[in-house]
Protein backbone atom coordinates (compact mmCIF):
# COMPACT_ATOMS: atom_id res chain seq x y z
CA SER A 1 0.00 0.00 0.00
CA ALA A 2 1.03 3.64 -0.28
CA GLU A 3 1.31 3.90 3.50
CA ASP A 4 3.64 0.88 3.67
CA ARG A 5 5.76 2.31 0.85
CA ALA A 6 6.00 5.69 2.61
CA GLN A 7 7.12 3.94 5.79
CA LEU A 8 9.84 2.00 3.95
CA ASP A 9 11.06 5.11 2.11
CA ALA A 10 11.16 7.42 5.14
CA ASP A 11 14.42 8.50 6.76
CA TRP A 12 15.29 6.89 10.08
CA LEU A 13 15.73 10.04 12.13
CA SER A 14 13.84 9.45 15.37
CA ALA A 15 12.77 6.26 17.11
CA ALA A 16 9.68 8.23 18.17
CA GLY A 17 8.85 9.27 14.59
CA PRO A 18 5.46 9.19 12.91
CA PHE A 19 5.91 5.69 11.47
CA GLU A 20 6.16 2.34 13.16
CA ARG A 21 9.57 1.17 12.10
CA GLY A 22 9.74 -2.16 10.34
CA ASP A 23 12.88 -4.06 9.74
CA PHE A 24 15.70 -1.93 8.31
CA HIS A 25 16.39 -4.66 5.77
CA GLU A 26 12.83 -4.39 4.42
CA ALA A 27 13.53 -0.74 3.63
CA LEU A 28 16.72 -1.78 1.82
CA GLU A 29 14.83 -4.38 -0.24
CA ALA A 30 12.24 -1.86 -1.46
CA HIS A 31 14.54 -0.58 -4.24
CA ASP A 32 17.26 -1.93 -6.53
CA PHE A 33 19.89 0.21 -4.80
CA VAL A 34 19.64 2.22 -1.58
CA PHE A 35 22.22 4.81 -0.56
CA VAL A 36 22.30 5.29 3.21
CA LEU A 37 23.95 8.08 5.17
CA PHE A 38 24.69 7.04 8.75
CA CYS A 39 25.27 10.21 10.75
CA LEU A 40 25.42 11.84 14.17
CA SER A 41 24.13 15.40 14.13
CA GLY A 42 26.74 16.64 16.63
CA VAL A 43 29.75 15.45 14.61
CA GLY A 44 31.43 18.22 12.58
CA PRO A 45 31.79 16.33 9.27
CA CYS A 46 28.14 15.22 9.53
CA LYS A 47 27.06 18.84 9.96
CA MET A 48 29.04 19.73 6.86
CA MET A 49 27.73 16.85 4.76
CA LEU A 50 24.06 16.95 5.75
CA PRO A 51 22.90 19.91 3.58
CA GLY A 52 24.57 18.37 0.51
CA TRP A 53 23.18 14.93 1.38
CA LEU A 54 19.63 16.32 1.73
CA GLN A 55 19.92 17.97 -1.69
CA PHE A 56 21.35 14.73 -3.19
CA ALA A 57 18.62 12.59 -1.56
CA ASP A 58 15.90 14.94 -2.82
CA GLN A 59 17.21 14.66 -6.39
CA VAL A 60 17.54 10.87 -6.20
CA ASN A 61 14.19 10.26 -4.53
CA LYS A 62 12.30 12.51 -6.97
CA GLY A 63 13.89 10.73 -9.95
CA GLN A 64 15.81 13.83 -11.03
CA LEU A 65 19.13 11.96 -10.91
CA PRO A 66 18.56 8.88 -13.09
CA MET A 67 21.09 6.08 -12.78
CA THR A 68 21.75 3.07 -14.98
CA ASP A 69 23.42 -0.21 -14.13
CA ALA A 70 26.26 -1.98 -15.97
CA ASP A 71 23.78 -3.32 -18.55
CA GLY A 72 22.36 0.14 -19.25
CA ALA A 73 19.07 -0.62 -17.46
CA ARG A 74 17.54 2.19 -15.43
CA ALA A 75 17.91 1.42 -11.74
CA ASP A 76 15.34 2.07 -9.02
CA VAL A 77 17.52 4.05 -6.59
CA TRP A 78 16.64 5.60 -3.23
CA ALA A 79 18.53 7.57 -0.59
CA LEU A 80 17.95 7.28 3.17
CA GLN A 81 19.43 8.92 6.22
CA VAL A 82 19.88 7.11 9.55
CA ASN A 83 20.39 8.98 12.81
CA CYS A 84 22.86 6.97 14.90
CA ALA A 85 22.38 9.05 18.07
CA PRO A 86 21.82 7.15 21.34
CA ASN A 87 18.17 8.33 21.51
CA ALA A 88 17.51 7.19 17.91
CA PHE A 89 18.98 4.17 16.09
CA ALA A 90 22.38 3.69 17.76
CA GLU A 91 21.76 -0.03 18.28
CA MET A 92 20.92 -0.60 14.63
CA CYS A 93 24.02 1.35 13.56
CA LYS A 94 26.09 -0.87 15.84
CA GLU A 95 24.49 -4.01 14.36
CA GLU A 96 25.33 -2.73 10.87
CA GLY A 97 28.96 -2.21 11.90
CA VAL A 98 28.99 1.56 11.42
CA GLN A 99 32.07 2.90 13.20
CA THR A 100 32.80 6.26 11.59
CA PHE A 101 30.59 9.23 10.83
CA PRO A 102 29.48 10.24 8.32
CA GLN A 103 29.34 6.83 6.65
CA VAL A 104 27.80 6.52 3.18
CA ARG A 105 26.88 3.03 2.03
CA LEU A 106 25.30 1.47 -1.01
CA TYR A 107 22.98 -1.45 -0.33
CA PRO A 108 21.97 -3.40 -3.45
CA ARG A 109 18.75 -5.40 -3.32
CA SER A 110 19.83 -8.88 -2.29
CA VAL A 111 18.55 -12.24 -3.42
CA VAL A 112 19.28 -14.05 -0.17
CA GLU A 113 18.35 -12.61 3.20
CA HIS A 114 21.27 -12.08 5.55
CA LYS A 115 21.28 -11.12 9.19
CA LYS A 116 23.58 -8.24 8.26
CA ALA A 117 22.80 -6.61 4.92
CA PHE A 118 25.41 -6.79 2.19
CA HIS A 119 26.73 -3.34 1.44
CA ARG A 120 29.54 -1.38 -0.10
CA ASP A 121 31.11 1.47 1.86
CA LEU A 122 31.64 4.55 -0.28
CA GLN A 123 34.67 6.65 0.49
CA PHE A 124 33.44 10.22 0.37
CA GLY A 125 36.42 12.54 0.15
CA PHE A 126 35.63 15.94 1.62
CA PRO A 127 37.32 18.80 -0.15
CA PRO A 128 40.19 19.79 2.22
CA GLN A 129 38.83 23.28 2.90
CA LEU A 130 35.47 21.81 3.99
CA LEU A 131 37.18 19.27 6.22
CA MET A 132 39.06 22.08 7.98
CA LEU A 133 35.83 24.06 8.37
CA SER A 134 34.10 21.04 9.93
CA MET A 135 36.51 21.22 12.86
CA VAL A 136 35.34 24.75 13.74
CA ALA A 137 32.10 25.07 15.67
CA ASN A 138 29.16 27.01 14.20
CA VAL A 139 30.64 27.56 10.76
CA ARG A 140 28.10 27.86 7.96
CA ILE A 141 28.98 26.50 4.56
CA SER A 142 28.11 28.36 1.40
CA LYS A 143 25.57 27.33 -1.23
CA ASP A 144 28.49 26.65 -3.60
CA GLN A 145 30.05 24.28 -1.06
CA ILE A 146 26.71 22.50 -0.58
CA ASN A 147 26.41 22.14 -4.36
CA GLU A 148 29.97 20.77 -4.48
CA ILE A 149 29.10 18.09 -1.91
CA THR A 150 25.89 17.26 -3.81
CA ALA A 151 27.76 16.98 -7.12
CA THR A 152 30.43 14.75 -5.55
CA LEU A 153 27.77 12.45 -4.08
CA ALA A 154 25.91 12.32 -7.41
CA ARG A 155 29.09 11.49 -9.33
CA MET A 156 30.04 8.75 -6.84
CA ALA A 157 26.51 7.31 -6.90
CA LYS A 158 26.31 7.16 -10.69
CA GLU A 159 29.76 5.52 -10.93
CA VAL A 160 29.07 2.85 -8.33
CA VAL A 161 25.61 1.95 -9.71
CA LYS A 162 27.00 1.83 -13.26
CA ASP A 163 29.53 -0.81 -12.11
CA ARG A 164 26.82 -3.17 -10.78
CA HIS A 165 24.31 -5.48 -12.46
CA LEU A 166 20.69 -5.57 -11.39
CA HIS A 167 19.21 -8.91 -10.44
CA THR A 168 16.38 -9.02 -12.95
CA ASN A 169 13.56 -11.55 -12.81
CA VAL A 170 14.93 -13.04 -9.59
CA THR A 171 12.70 -14.13 -6.77
CA ARG A 172 13.47 -15.54 -3.37
CA HIS A 173 13.29 -19.29 -3.28
CA ASP A 174 14.63 -22.00 -0.99
CA ILE A 175 16.77 -23.31 -3.84
CA PHE A 176 19.05 -20.23 -3.49
CA ARG A 177 20.06 -21.43 -0.02
CA GLU A 178 21.30 -24.74 -1.35
CA GLY A 179 24.41 -25.62 -3.28
CA CYS A 180 24.35 -27.45 -6.57
CA ARG A 181 26.23 -30.30 -8.20
CA ILE A 182 27.78 -29.75 -11.58
CA TRP A 183 28.90 -32.53 -13.84
CA GLY A 184 30.59 -32.17 -17.17
CA HIS A 185 33.81 -30.98 -18.70
CA VAL A 186 35.50 -27.72 -19.51
CA ASP A 187 37.30 -27.09 -22.77
CA VAL A 188 40.32 -24.91 -22.10
CA PRO A 189 42.78 -23.80 -24.78
CA ARG A 190 46.30 -24.96 -24.10
CA VAL A 191 48.22 -22.14 -22.42
CA PRO A 192 51.29 -22.04 -20.19
CA GLY A 193 50.48 -22.50 -16.51
CA THR A 194 48.36 -24.80 -14.43
CA LEU A 195 44.66 -25.09 -13.78
CA THR A 196 43.66 -25.78 -10.21
C-alpha cells in the first residue's frame, strides 16, 4: 500500500517518529539500490555533509538523478538517512557495523536474506577546505560548497551503480540457499600455466 511504501522510504531520524519502524532490511529491499547516510548530528563532518546529502537525496528520490546499471538498465535508486544518536537508532548502527561518521553506504537489493545486509562502503572525500571548516564550531557553509558536496555524491553514486548489475527476474526461493552439483567438462585452450 502507499502507507507501507512511505514507511519503507522514510528517513530513520527518530525512534519516536510518525511511522512504526519495520525491519531496516525491508527498507533496503524496497529498491534496486539504496544509498544510506549514517550520521550523528553533533559530529562536525556530519554537519558539513548533511545539507549536501539532503539535496542529493531529494534529487535521487524525486527521480531527477537517473542512474543506470552496468547493462544500461535504469535502476530504481533511493537515498535514506539514519540517525545513529543514542536516543535514535544507535543499536541498529552498531548491528550494521557503522564505526565512523558520516558513513555513506550502497545497499543493493539482495537475493538471499542475511542477518547483516550486504553493502559497499563509499569513500566520500571531503574537499580539504570543507574538512578544515568542519573542525570549527558554528561555521556555515556556502551554497556553492553544498552544491559541491551534492555533485560529488551524485558522481560517486552514478559511478558505483554503473559498475553493478541488477538482479532481474529473480525471486526468493529456498533453492538459493542450497548448493548445486555440476557434472561435465571444460574445454580450455592450451596455455602455459596450471589449472587448479
